[in-house]
Amino acid sequence: MSAGFGVQGQITGFESDFIGNRRVRADLIEVFKIFKGHTCVDPALFFKVSTTKTRGQSFKLHKGNCRLDVRKYFFSQRVIDTWNSFPNNAVTASSVENFKGHVDHHLEQQGVVKSH
């Protein structure tokens, strides 16, 4: 470590974007695991599946209003917009590995993650 630089001083803009992209990807994978029963978490504790018939996928999540700014950044709120933008074949994937491929492809198309 260079003298005079703390941990915060070492994180560049690129690394910050990379960390944010990894968080989005990990959050989406966790939502998939919750809905497919790969975790011991009841989806109803975090999410409300939309009951209206809409175009797109069958697991659209309802995003409620947040009275407090802090709630906007909760896991259960920050993933909804990205999750709802996924096509049906992604959210109904047969395995976690298959879903990861869909996530990577979709995020590249959206410009969230740059291809290597």
C-alpha atoms as a PDB file:
ATOM      1  CA  MET A   1       0.000   0.000   0.000  1.00  0.00           C
ATOM      2  CA  SER A   2       1.289   3.442  -0.838  1.00  0.00           C
ATOM      3  CA  ALA A   3       1.888   5.872   1.964  1.00  0.00           C
ATOM      4  CA  GLY A   4      -0.924   8.374   2.342  1.00  0.00           C
ATOM      5  CA  PHE A   5      -3.607   6.305   0.607  1.00  0.00           C
ATOM      6  CA  GLY A   6      -6.330   4.606   2.570  1.00  0.00           C
ATOM      7  CA  VAL A   7      -8.640   1.910   1.306  1.00  0.00           C
ATOM      8  CA  GLN A   8     -11.092   4.512  -0.011  1.00  0.00           C
ATOM      9  CA  GLY A   9      -8.337   6.235  -1.963  1.00  0.00           C
ATOM     10  CA  GLN A  10      -7.466   3.000  -3.742  1.00  0.00           C
ATOM     11  CA  ILE A  11     -10.907   2.333  -5.215  1.00  0.00           C
ATOM     12  CA  THR A  12     -11.093   3.801  -8.693  1.00  0.00           C
ATOM     13  CA  GLY A  13     -14.236   4.597 -10.651  1.00  0.00           C
ATOM     14  CA  PHE A  14     -13.805   1.411 -12.695  1.00  0.00           C
ATOM     15  CA  GLU A  15     -13.553  -0.740  -9.592  1.00  0.00           C
ATOM     16  CA  SER A  16     -16.584   0.982  -8.104  1.00  0.00           C
ATOM     17  CA  ASP A  17     -18.624   0.208 -11.257  1.00  0.00           C
ATOM     18  CA  PHE A  18     -17.384  -3.391 -11.155  1.00  0.00           C
ATOM     19  CA  ILE A  19     -18.476  -3.787  -7.543  1.00  0.00           C
ATOM     20  CA  GLY A  20     -21.903  -2.308  -8.346  1.00  0.00           C
ATOM     21  CA  ASN A  21     -22.324  -4.653 -11.316  1.00  0.00           C
ATOM     22  CA  ARG A  22     -21.404  -7.660  -9.203  1.00  0.00           C
ATOM     23  CA  ARG A  23     -23.987  -6.594  -6.632  1.00  0.00           C
ATOM     24  CA  VAL A  24     -26.757  -6.367  -9.245  1.00  0.00           C
ATOM     25  CA  ARG A  25     -25.837  -9.798 -10.624  1.00  0.00           C
ATOM     26  CA  ALA A  26     -25.662 -11.385  -7.165  1.00  0.00           C
ATOM     27  CA  ASP A  27     -28.994  -9.836  -6.143  1.00  0.00           C
ATOM     28  CA  LEU A  28     -30.741 -11.201  -9.224  1.00  0.00           C
ATOM     29  CA  ILE A  29     -29.316 -14.665  -8.673  1.00  0.00           C
ATOM     30  CA  GLU A  30     -30.502 -14.553  -5.071  1.00  0.00           C
ATOM     31  CA  VAL A  31     -34.039 -13.585  -6.153  1.00  0.00           C
ATOM     32  CA  PHE A  32     -34.055 -16.536  -8.561  1.00  0.00           C
ATOM     33  CA  LYS A  33     -32.918 -18.891  -5.781  1.00  0.00           C
ATOM     34  CA  ILE A  34     -35.625 -17.563  -3.451  1.00  0.00           C
ATOM     35  CA  PHE A  35     -38.394 -18.111  -6.026  1.00  0.00           C
ATOM     36  CA  LYS A  36     -37.123 -21.557  -7.032  1.00  0.00           C
ATOM     37  CA  GLY A  37     -36.886 -22.769  -3.434  1.00  0.00           C
ATOM     38  CA  HIS A  38     -33.091 -23.087  -3.290  1.00  0.00           C
ATOM     39  CA  THR A  39     -33.072 -21.128  -0.026  1.00  0.00           C
ATOM     40  CA  CYS A  40     -35.094 -21.410   3.157  1.00  0.00           C
ATOM     41  CA  VAL A  41     -36.626 -17.974   2.566  1.00  0.00           C
ATOM     42  CA  ASP A  42     -40.314 -17.512   1.869  1.00  0.00           C
ATOM     43  CA  PRO A  43     -40.663 -15.212  -1.185  1.00  0.00           C
ATOM     44  CA  ALA A  44     -43.738 -13.588   0.388  1.00  0.00           C
ATOM     45  CA  LEU A  45     -41.515 -12.121   3.120  1.00  0.00           C
ATOM     46  CA  PHE A  46     -39.657  -9.945   0.604  1.00  0.00           C
ATOM     47  CA  PHE A  47     -41.722  -9.737  -2.575  1.00  0.00           C
ATOM     48  CA  LYS A  48     -45.274  -9.389  -3.797  1.00  0.00           C
ATOM     49  CA  VAL A  49     -45.888 -10.979  -7.190  1.00  0.00           C
ATOM     50  CA  SER A  50     -47.974  -8.708  -9.393  1.00  0.00           C
ATOM     51  CA  THR A  51     -51.496 -10.031  -9.890  1.00  0.00           C
ATOM     52  CA  THR A  52     -52.269  -7.955 -12.982  1.00  0.00           C
ATOM     53  CA  LYS A  53     -51.866  -9.534 -16.386  1.00  0.00           C
ATOM     54  CA  THR A  54     -48.972  -7.794 -18.069  1.00  0.00           C
ATOM     55  CA  ARG A  55     -46.761  -8.481 -21.026  1.00  0.00           C
ATOM     56  CA  GLY A  56     -43.461 -10.175 -20.425  1.00  0.00           C
ATOM     57  CA  GLN A  57     -42.637 -12.685 -17.776  1.00  0.00           C
ATOM     58  CA  SER A  58     -44.901 -14.475 -15.335  1.00  0.00           C
ATOM     59  CA  PHE A  59     -43.006 -13.500 -12.148  1.00  0.00           C
ATOM     60  CA  LYS A  60     -43.401  -9.714 -12.337  1.00  0.00           C
ATOM     61  CA  LEU A  61     -42.888  -8.189  -8.917  1.00  0.00           C
ATOM     62  CA  HIS A  62     -44.970  -5.360  -7.501  1.00  0.00           C
ATOM     63  CA  LYS A  63     -42.986  -2.351  -6.354  1.00  0.00           C
ATOM     64  CA  GLY A  64     -44.715  -0.491  -3.563  1.00  0.00           C
ATOM     65  CA  ASN A  65     -44.189   3.118  -2.627  1.00  0.00           C
ATOM     66  CA  CYS A  66     -41.379   3.877  -0.212  1.00  0.00           C
ATOM     67  CA  ARG A  67     -42.116   6.530   2.373  1.00  0.00           C
ATOM     68  CA  LEU A  68     -38.527   6.556   3.570  1.00  0.00           C
ATOM     69  CA  ASP A  69     -35.493   6.960   1.336  1.00  0.00           C
ATOM     70  CA  VAL A  70     -33.663   4.240   3.240  1.00  0.00           C
ATOM     71  CA  ARG A  71     -36.191   1.620   2.099  1.00  0.00           C
ATOM     72  CA  LYS A  72     -35.373   2.295  -1.579  1.00  0.00           C
ATOM     73  CA  TYR A  73     -32.009   0.637  -1.062  1.00  0.00           C
ATOM     74  CA  PHE A  74     -33.255  -2.538   0.630  1.00  0.00           C
ATOM     75  CA  PHE A  75     -32.565  -5.749  -1.270  1.00  0.00           C
ATOM     76  CA  SER A  76     -36.269  -6.335  -1.810  1.00  0.00           C
ATOM     77  CA  GLN A  77     -36.707  -2.945  -3.499  1.00  0.00           C
ATOM     78  CA  ARG A  78     -33.500  -2.427  -5.447  1.00  0.00           C
ATOM     79  CA  VAL A  79     -33.848  -5.604  -7.550  1.00  0.00           C
ATOM     80  CA  ILE A  80     -37.455  -5.209  -8.692  1.00  0.00           C
ATOM     81  CA  ASP A  81     -36.955  -2.980 -11.758  1.00  0.00           C
ATOM     82  CA  THR A  82     -34.138  -5.107 -13.136  1.00  0.00           C
ATOM     83  CA  TRP A  83     -35.972  -8.367 -12.347  1.00  0.00           C
ATOM     84  CA  ASN A  84     -39.136  -7.146 -14.087  1.00  0.00           C
ATOM     85  CA  SER A  85     -37.155  -6.308 -17.230  1.00  0.00           C
ATOM     86  CA  PHE A  86     -36.118  -9.956 -17.683  1.00  0.00           C
ATOM     87  CA  PRO A  87     -37.802 -12.109 -20.346  1.00  0.00           C
ATOM     88  CA  ASN A  88     -39.926 -15.084 -19.284  1.00  0.00           C
ATOM     89  CA  ASN A  89     -37.388 -17.691 -20.451  1.00  0.00           C
ATOM     90  CA  ALA A  90     -34.836 -16.207 -18.030  1.00  0.00           C
ATOM     91  CA  VAL A  91     -36.983 -16.259 -14.881  1.00  0.00           C
ATOM     92  CA  THR A  92     -38.275 -19.749 -15.672  1.00  0.00           C
ATOM     93  CA  ALA A  93     -34.788 -21.181 -16.246  1.00  0.00           C
ATOM     94  CA  SER A  94     -34.330 -24.778 -15.177  1.00  0.00           C
ATOM     95  CA  SER A  95     -31.197 -24.266 -13.075  1.00  0.00           C
ATOM     96  CA  VAL A  96     -29.160 -21.590 -11.336  1.00  0.00           C
ATOM     97  CA  GLU A  97     -26.322 -22.013 -13.862  1.00  0.00           C
ATOM     98  CA  ASN A  98     -28.749 -21.544 -16.746  1.00  0.00           C
ATOM     99  CA  PHE A  99     -30.157 -18.434 -15.058  1.00  0.00           C
ATOM    100  CA  LYS A 100     -26.653 -17.004 -14.577  1.00  0.00           C
ATOM    101  CA  GLY A 101     -26.140 -17.212 -18.338  1.00  0.00           C
ATOM    102  CA  HIS A 102     -29.411 -15.359 -18.903  1.00  0.00           C
ATOM    103  CA  VAL A 103     -28.396 -12.719 -16.339  1.00  0.00           C
ATOM    104  CA  ASP A 104     -25.040 -12.097 -17.993  1.00  0.00           C
ATOM    105  CA  HIS A 105     -26.607 -11.869 -21.452  1.00  0.00           C
ATOM    106  CA  HIS A 106     -29.426  -9.569 -20.319  1.00  0.00           C
ATOM    107  CA  LEU A 107     -27.167  -7.232 -18.346  1.00  0.00           C
ATOM    108  CA  GLU A 108     -24.796  -6.947 -21.321  1.00  0.00           C
ATOM    109  CA  GLN A 109     -27.725  -6.017 -23.564  1.00  0.00           C
ATOM    110  CA  GLN A 110     -28.905  -3.412 -21.063  1.00  0.00           C
ATOM    111  CA  GLY A 111     -25.415  -1.925 -20.881  1.00  0.00           C
ATOM    112  CA  VAL A 112     -25.119  -2.595 -17.153  1.00  0.00           C
ATOM    113  CA  VAL A 113     -22.196  -4.993 -17.577  1.00  0.00           C
ATOM    114  CA  LYS A 114     -19.632  -4.597 -20.303  1.00  0.00           C
ATOM    115  CA  SER A 115     -18.655  -7.734 -22.203  1.00  0.00           C
ATOM    116  CA  HIS A 116     -15.110  -8.985 -21.644  1.00  0.00           C
END
